[in-house]
Amino acid sequence: MNNFKRHFAALATGIAATALVAGAALADPAVLYDGGGKYDKGFNESAFNGATRWAEETGGSFGEMDLTNGDAQREQSLRQFAERGYSPILVPGFNWEEAIRTVSAEFPETQFVILDASVDLPNVKSYVFKEQEGSYLVGVMAAMASKTGTVGVIPAFNFPLLEAFACGYKQGVLSVNADAKVLWNYVGTGFEAFNDVAKATEVANTQIDQGADVVFAVAGGAGNGSLQAAADRGVLGIGVDQNQNYMHPGNMLTSMMKKVDVATYEAFKAFEPGKVETGTQVLGVAEGGVGPAFDEYNAPLVSPEMKAAVDDATAKIISGEIKVHDFREDGACPV
């Protein structure tokens, strides 16, 4: 089989295929990206990077597709890829859960992989993350970097997974400064908020007007607007999902990384035709699945004391001395 990626663009149904042999059993993996597209500088791009790493190391190829019609396209795209023989079919994002549940039952011999949701079905592998733990660590950094004692967090909307980020962040902030003020505002009210860059920019500016000098963007592609606003106003931003420190050197305190690229790479690497790997794998601080980013872009902003505080909190989370509350357990943030 030729070693190249099969790219998909729009057919009459919104999905198209190029370089496909009709009826062929491809036995190649595929990634169907979530809203925001492959180059969102975050979650989707991290999945793409993991798939690319797998392809480069193995000489394999993978199918891929960007959603063009939102939720209406999810089941349809999964079916089309399954019909063409792709396996495993990986989807990054909890938005895909309902579609995965439906389509995986129709194709029991195809393996599906979902990131950010736990789906207990016989041909689905799930990867979930302890976002609250990594967010706690960047909260420690935010509190130590803040000069005003006011910091902000901007989830896309009030979805439990996103609230887990925000609650973990708040716990980390208050562990350093019990008197700190944590502004907690949303971009929108639904999944479309992940694409609303203008609104994310507006929310960040409102928080900065209220004294926030560190802003944590938890809104996918829309969060780029919040980070741009922070840079424009001369305050610090915190990126999400992958290392976004390079976007605004000098204004990016850190990024709360979720190793989506690692999960994607491992899922592709583990796949064997005819063998279905299932279950849910949880990646937290102890597993190296989440945590702050340190590199040349934020090095001038990270003092030795700040790095030591992060290292100390990391060790205590791993040992169990620090237990970061997960908002998803009870729908509440105890601080």
Protein backbone atom coordinates (compact mmCIF):
# COMPACT_ATOMS: atom_id res chain seq x y z
CA MET A 1 0.00 0.00 0.00
CA ASN A 2 1.33 3.44 -0.87
CA ASN A 3 2.81 5.34 2.02
CA PHE A 4 0.86 8.56 2.03
CA LYS A 5 -2.00 10.08 3.95
CA ARG A 6 -5.47 9.87 2.50
CA HIS A 7 -6.97 13.30 2.83
CA PHE A 8 -10.70 13.86 2.90
CA ALA A 9 -12.58 16.86 1.62
CA ALA A 10 -16.24 17.54 0.94
CA LEU A 11 -18.45 15.23 -1.09
CA ALA A 12 -22.14 15.99 -1.56
CA THR A 13 -22.54 14.69 1.98
CA GLY A 14 -19.77 16.85 3.37
CA ILE A 15 -17.19 14.05 3.30
CA ALA A 16 -14.99 13.15 0.40
CA ALA A 17 -12.23 10.70 -0.18
CA THR A 18 -9.18 10.89 -2.34
CA ALA A 19 -6.70 8.13 -3.07
CA LEU A 20 -9.14 5.39 -2.09
CA VAL A 21 -9.58 2.08 -3.81
CA ALA A 22 -13.29 1.24 -3.91
CA GLY A 23 -14.11 -1.62 -1.58
CA ALA A 24 -10.52 -1.97 -0.39
CA ALA A 25 -9.85 -3.01 3.19
CA LEU A 26 -7.38 -0.32 4.18
CA ALA A 27 -6.47 -1.58 7.67
CA ASP A 28 -4.99 1.87 8.32
CA PRO A 29 -5.81 4.07 11.31
CA ALA A 30 -7.62 7.38 10.98
CA VAL A 31 -8.18 10.58 12.93
CA LEU A 32 -11.44 12.52 12.65
CA TYR A 33 -10.78 15.93 14.16
CA ASP A 34 -13.19 17.82 16.37
CA GLY A 35 -14.45 21.37 15.87
CA GLY A 36 -11.66 23.89 15.38
CA GLY A 37 -9.84 21.77 12.82
CA LYS A 38 -6.53 20.00 12.59
CA TYR A 39 -4.44 23.14 13.04
CA ASP A 40 -6.21 24.57 16.10
CA LYS A 41 -2.88 24.92 17.97
CA GLY A 42 -4.40 22.71 20.66
CA PHE A 43 -6.27 19.45 21.14
CA ASN A 44 -6.78 18.50 17.47
CA GLU A 45 -3.29 19.48 16.41
CA SER A 46 -1.85 17.44 19.26
CA ALA A 47 -3.72 14.37 17.98
CA PHE A 48 -2.40 15.08 14.48
CA ASN A 49 1.14 15.31 15.87
CA GLY A 50 0.78 11.94 17.59
CA ALA A 51 -0.54 10.31 14.42
CA THR A 52 2.26 11.89 12.39
CA ARG A 53 4.87 10.58 14.83
CA TRP A 54 3.42 7.07 14.44
CA ALA A 55 3.47 7.35 10.63
CA GLU A 56 7.05 8.61 10.54
CA GLU A 57 8.29 5.85 12.84
CA THR A 58 6.42 3.00 11.19
CA GLY A 59 6.23 4.10 7.56
CA GLY A 60 2.46 3.75 7.83
CA SER A 61 -0.27 6.09 6.67
CA PHE A 62 -3.46 7.32 8.25
CA GLY A 63 -6.73 8.82 7.09
CA GLU A 64 -7.90 12.14 8.46
CA MET A 65 -10.81 14.53 8.20
CA ASP A 66 -11.94 17.89 9.55
CA LEU A 67 -15.58 18.31 10.44
CA THR A 68 -17.30 20.80 8.14
CA ASN A 69 -20.92 20.44 9.26
CA GLY A 70 -20.56 20.09 13.01
CA ASP A 71 -22.49 17.53 15.02
CA ALA A 72 -24.65 16.46 12.09
CA GLN A 73 -21.58 15.02 10.38
CA ARG A 74 -20.20 12.91 13.22
CA GLU A 75 -22.09 9.65 12.73
CA GLN A 76 -21.90 9.95 8.96
CA SER A 77 -18.14 10.43 8.92
CA LEU A 78 -17.52 7.55 11.32
CA ARG A 79 -19.61 5.23 9.14
CA GLN A 80 -17.80 6.25 5.96
CA PHE A 81 -14.38 5.60 7.47
CA ALA A 82 -15.50 2.29 8.99
CA GLU A 83 -17.01 1.17 5.68
CA ARG A 84 -13.68 1.80 3.97
CA GLY A 85 -11.88 -0.42 6.45
CA TYR A 86 -10.01 2.11 8.59
CA SER A 87 -9.17 0.82 12.06
CA PRO A 88 -8.64 2.09 14.64
CA ILE A 89 -10.67 5.25 14.06
CA LEU A 90 -9.64 7.82 16.64
CA VAL A 91 -11.68 10.86 17.62
CA PRO A 92 -10.25 13.56 19.91
CA GLY A 93 -12.98 15.11 22.01
CA PHE A 94 -15.94 14.29 24.23
CA ASN A 95 -18.28 15.68 21.55
CA TRP A 96 -17.88 12.37 19.72
CA GLU A 97 -19.22 10.13 22.51
CA GLU A 98 -22.79 9.72 21.25
CA ALA A 99 -21.67 9.07 17.67
CA ILE A 100 -19.09 6.51 18.82
CA ARG A 101 -21.70 4.66 20.86
CA THR A 102 -24.00 4.43 17.85
CA VAL A 103 -21.54 3.59 15.08
CA SER A 104 -19.30 1.21 17.01
CA ALA A 105 -22.30 -1.11 17.44
CA GLU A 106 -22.76 -1.17 13.66
CA PHE A 107 -19.12 -2.15 13.02
CA PRO A 108 -18.15 -4.63 15.77
CA GLU A 109 -14.91 -5.65 13.99
CA THR A 110 -13.67 -2.06 13.78
CA GLN A 111 -11.77 -0.57 16.69
CA PHE A 112 -12.64 2.96 17.79
CA VAL A 113 -10.63 5.20 20.09
CA ILE A 114 -12.04 8.23 21.89
CA LEU A 115 -10.07 10.80 23.85
CA ASP A 116 -11.70 12.72 26.71
CA ALA A 117 -14.61 10.35 27.31
CA SER A 118 -15.00 6.88 28.77
CA VAL A 119 -17.07 4.57 26.57
CA ASP A 120 -17.44 1.04 27.92
CA LEU A 121 -18.12 -0.92 24.75
CA PRO A 122 -16.41 -4.05 23.37
CA ASN A 123 -14.63 -2.34 20.47
CA VAL A 124 -13.86 1.06 21.99
CA LYS A 125 -10.65 2.16 23.69
CA SER A 126 -10.94 5.29 25.84
CA TYR A 127 -8.33 7.71 27.12
CA VAL A 128 -9.24 10.20 29.83
CA PHE A 129 -7.10 12.65 31.74
CA LYS A 130 -6.87 14.05 35.26
CA GLU A 131 -7.08 17.63 34.02
CA GLN A 132 -7.60 18.89 37.56
CA GLU A 133 -4.11 17.78 38.55
CA GLY A 134 -2.26 19.56 35.77
CA SER A 135 -4.47 22.62 36.23
CA TYR A 136 -3.60 22.68 39.93
CA LEU A 137 0.07 22.97 39.01
CA VAL A 138 -0.44 25.85 36.59
CA GLY A 139 -2.61 27.47 39.27
CA VAL A 140 0.37 27.36 41.63
CA MET A 141 2.40 29.16 38.97
CA ALA A 142 -0.33 31.72 38.35
CA ALA A 143 -0.58 32.62 42.02
CA MET A 144 3.16 33.03 42.32
CA ALA A 145 3.38 35.14 39.16
CA SER A 146 0.41 37.41 39.92
CA LYS A 147 1.15 40.88 41.22
CA THR A 148 -2.49 41.91 41.68
CA GLY A 149 -3.72 38.83 43.51
CA THR A 150 -6.41 38.39 40.84
CA VAL A 151 -6.22 35.75 38.13
CA GLY A 152 -8.70 34.41 35.59
CA VAL A 153 -9.82 31.17 33.97
CA ILE A 154 -11.96 31.03 30.83
CA PRO A 155 -13.64 27.70 30.00
CA ALA A 156 -15.55 27.47 26.71
CA PHE A 157 -18.79 26.78 28.61
CA ASN A 158 -19.99 25.10 31.78
CA PHE A 159 -19.29 21.51 30.76
CA PRO A 160 -18.06 19.19 33.57
CA LEU A 161 -14.73 18.38 31.93
CA LEU A 162 -13.97 22.06 31.41
CA GLU A 163 -15.08 22.83 34.96
CA ALA A 164 -12.52 20.25 36.14
CA PHE A 165 -9.78 22.39 34.59
CA ALA A 166 -11.09 25.54 36.22
CA CYS A 167 -11.64 23.98 39.64
CA GLY A 168 -8.20 22.38 39.68
CA TYR A 169 -6.68 25.74 38.71
CA LYS A 170 -8.54 27.52 41.50
CA GLN A 171 -7.35 24.97 44.05
CA GLY A 172 -3.77 25.49 42.93
CA VAL A 173 -4.06 29.27 43.11
CA LEU A 174 -5.55 29.23 46.60
CA SER A 175 -2.96 26.75 47.86
CA VAL A 176 -0.40 29.52 47.37
CA ASN A 177 -2.49 32.59 48.18
CA ALA A 178 -5.65 31.92 50.17
CA ASP A 179 -6.75 35.52 49.61
CA ALA A 180 -6.41 35.43 45.82
CA LYS A 181 -9.40 36.22 43.64
CA VAL A 182 -10.09 33.75 40.82
CA LEU A 183 -12.35 35.09 38.07
CA TRP A 184 -14.23 32.24 36.35
CA ASN A 185 -16.13 33.22 33.20
CA TYR A 186 -17.33 31.33 30.12
CA VAL A 187 -17.02 32.04 26.42
CA GLY A 188 -20.51 30.76 25.62
CA THR A 189 -23.18 28.23 26.48
CA GLY A 190 -22.49 25.28 24.16
CA PHE A 191 -20.00 23.50 21.94
CA GLU A 192 -20.00 26.34 19.41
CA ALA A 193 -18.06 28.36 22.00
CA PHE A 194 -14.90 26.46 21.08
CA ASN A 195 -14.83 28.41 17.80
CA ASP A 196 -15.85 31.86 19.11
CA VAL A 197 -12.51 33.64 19.13
CA ALA A 198 -14.09 37.10 19.30
CA LYS A 199 -16.09 36.28 22.43
CA ALA A 200 -13.08 34.62 24.10
CA THR A 201 -11.13 37.82 23.43
CA GLU A 202 -13.91 39.89 24.98
CA VAL A 203 -14.10 37.72 28.10
CA ALA A 204 -10.33 37.94 28.63
CA ASN A 205 -10.40 41.72 28.29
CA THR A 206 -13.22 41.91 30.84
CA GLN A 207 -11.20 39.86 33.31
CA ILE A 208 -8.14 41.99 32.74
CA ASP A 209 -10.25 45.10 33.32
CA GLN A 210 -11.17 43.57 36.70
CA GLY A 211 -7.54 43.20 37.67
CA ALA A 212 -6.57 39.76 36.39
CA ASP A 213 -2.91 39.67 35.41
CA VAL A 214 -2.85 35.94 34.57
CA VAL A 215 -5.46 34.37 32.25
CA PHE A 216 -5.90 30.61 31.76
CA ALA A 217 -7.68 29.83 28.47
CA VAL A 218 -9.63 26.54 28.49
CA ALA A 219 -11.58 26.97 25.27
CA GLY A 220 -9.88 25.11 22.45
CA GLY A 221 -9.34 27.22 19.35
CA ALA A 222 -11.35 30.09 20.83
CA GLY A 223 -8.78 30.32 23.61
CA ASN A 224 -6.33 31.75 21.12
CA GLY A 225 -8.35 34.96 21.36
CA SER A 226 -7.95 35.04 25.14
CA LEU A 227 -4.21 34.50 24.86
CA GLN A 228 -3.91 37.23 22.23
CA ALA A 229 -5.82 39.61 24.48
CA ALA A 230 -3.50 38.84 27.37
CA ALA A 231 -0.46 39.50 25.20
CA ASP A 232 -1.95 42.73 23.85
CA ARG A 233 -2.67 43.97 27.37
CA GLY A 234 0.72 43.01 28.75
CA VAL A 235 -0.48 40.34 31.17
CA LEU A 236 0.31 36.63 31.31
CA GLY A 237 -1.54 33.87 29.51
CA ILE A 238 -1.67 30.13 30.18
CA GLY A 239 -2.26 27.84 27.22
CA VAL A 240 -4.05 24.51 27.17
CA ASP A 241 -3.85 20.98 25.73
CA GLN A 242 -0.49 21.32 23.99
CA ASN A 243 2.50 23.55 24.57
CA GLN A 244 1.40 26.99 23.36
CA ASN A 245 4.26 28.93 24.98
CA TYR A 246 5.69 29.82 21.57
CA MET A 247 2.59 31.79 20.60
CA HIS A 248 3.38 34.86 22.71
CA PRO A 249 6.93 34.65 24.10
CA GLY A 250 7.29 36.84 27.16
CA ASN A 251 3.56 36.76 27.89
CA MET A 252 2.97 33.01 28.19
CA LEU A 253 3.54 31.86 31.76
CA THR A 254 3.07 28.21 30.78
CA SER A 255 0.64 25.79 29.14
CA MET A 256 -1.37 23.02 30.81
CA MET A 257 -0.46 20.14 28.55
CA LYS A 258 -2.64 17.10 28.00
CA LYS A 259 -0.58 14.47 26.24
CA VAL A 260 -3.14 13.88 23.50
CA ASP A 261 -0.28 13.29 21.10
CA VAL A 262 1.06 10.50 23.31
CA ALA A 263 -2.36 8.88 23.65
CA THR A 264 -2.86 8.99 19.87
CA TYR A 265 0.59 7.58 19.18
CA GLU A 266 0.14 4.78 21.72
CA ALA A 267 -3.33 3.89 20.42
CA PHE A 268 -2.04 3.56 16.85
CA LYS A 269 1.07 1.71 17.92
CA ALA A 270 -0.86 -0.82 20.00
CA PHE A 271 -3.34 -1.70 17.27
CA GLU A 272 -3.13 -5.13 15.66
CA PRO A 273 -5.61 -6.16 12.92
CA GLY A 274 -8.07 -8.66 14.28
CA LYS A 275 -7.24 -7.79 17.89
CA VAL A 276 -9.40 -5.27 19.69
CA GLU A 277 -7.99 -3.41 22.69
CA THR A 278 -10.65 -1.96 24.96
CA GLY A 279 -11.03 -0.34 28.36
CA THR A 280 -10.29 3.10 29.74
CA GLN A 281 -6.79 4.41 30.39
CA VAL A 282 -6.46 7.31 32.81
CA LEU A 283 -3.53 9.71 32.46
CA GLY A 284 -2.69 12.06 35.31
CA VAL A 285 0.41 13.67 36.78
CA ALA A 286 1.81 10.32 37.94
CA GLU A 287 1.52 8.91 34.42
CA GLY A 288 3.04 12.01 32.82
CA GLY A 289 -0.25 12.68 31.08
CA VAL A 290 -0.80 16.26 32.27
CA GLY A 291 1.33 19.09 33.56
CA PRO A 292 2.82 22.52 32.89
CA ALA A 293 5.14 23.25 29.98
CA PHE A 294 8.66 24.56 30.54
CA ASP A 295 10.82 25.68 27.62
CA GLU A 296 12.91 28.53 26.29
CA TYR A 297 9.83 30.65 25.65
CA ASN A 298 8.72 30.89 29.27
CA ALA A 299 12.08 30.39 30.99
CA PRO A 300 12.48 34.12 31.86
CA LEU A 301 9.10 34.04 33.62
CA VAL A 302 9.72 30.95 35.76
CA SER A 303 11.76 31.67 38.86
CA PRO A 304 13.66 28.92 40.69
CA GLU A 305 11.16 29.30 43.54
CA MET A 306 8.24 28.78 41.17
CA LYS A 307 9.79 25.68 39.62
CA ALA A 308 10.57 24.30 43.09
CA ALA A 309 6.96 24.87 44.16
CA VAL A 310 5.69 23.01 41.09
CA ASP A 311 8.10 20.14 41.68
CA ASP A 312 7.02 19.93 45.32
CA ALA A 313 3.31 19.93 44.45
CA THR A 314 3.91 17.35 41.71
CA ALA A 315 5.59 15.00 44.16
CA LYS A 316 2.80 15.45 46.68
CA ILE A 317 0.10 14.76 44.09
CA ILE A 318 1.88 11.58 43.06
CA SER A 319 2.32 10.47 46.69
CA GLY A 320 -1.29 11.28 47.52
CA GLU A 321 -0.43 13.98 50.06
CA ILE A 322 -2.22 16.47 47.82
CA LYS A 323 -5.58 15.26 46.55
CA VAL A 324 -6.91 17.58 43.88
CA HIS A 325 -10.70 17.52 43.87
CA ASP A 326 -12.29 16.53 40.56
CA PHE A 327 -15.32 18.69 39.77
CA ARG A 328 -16.82 15.77 37.83
CA GLU A 329 -17.23 13.72 40.99
CA ASP A 330 -19.95 15.87 42.52
CA GLY A 331 -20.44 18.89 40.26
CA ALA A 332 -18.89 21.20 42.84
CA CYS A 333 -15.66 23.04 43.53
CA PRO A 334 -14.94 23.00 47.25
CA VAL A 335 -12.82 26.15 47.37
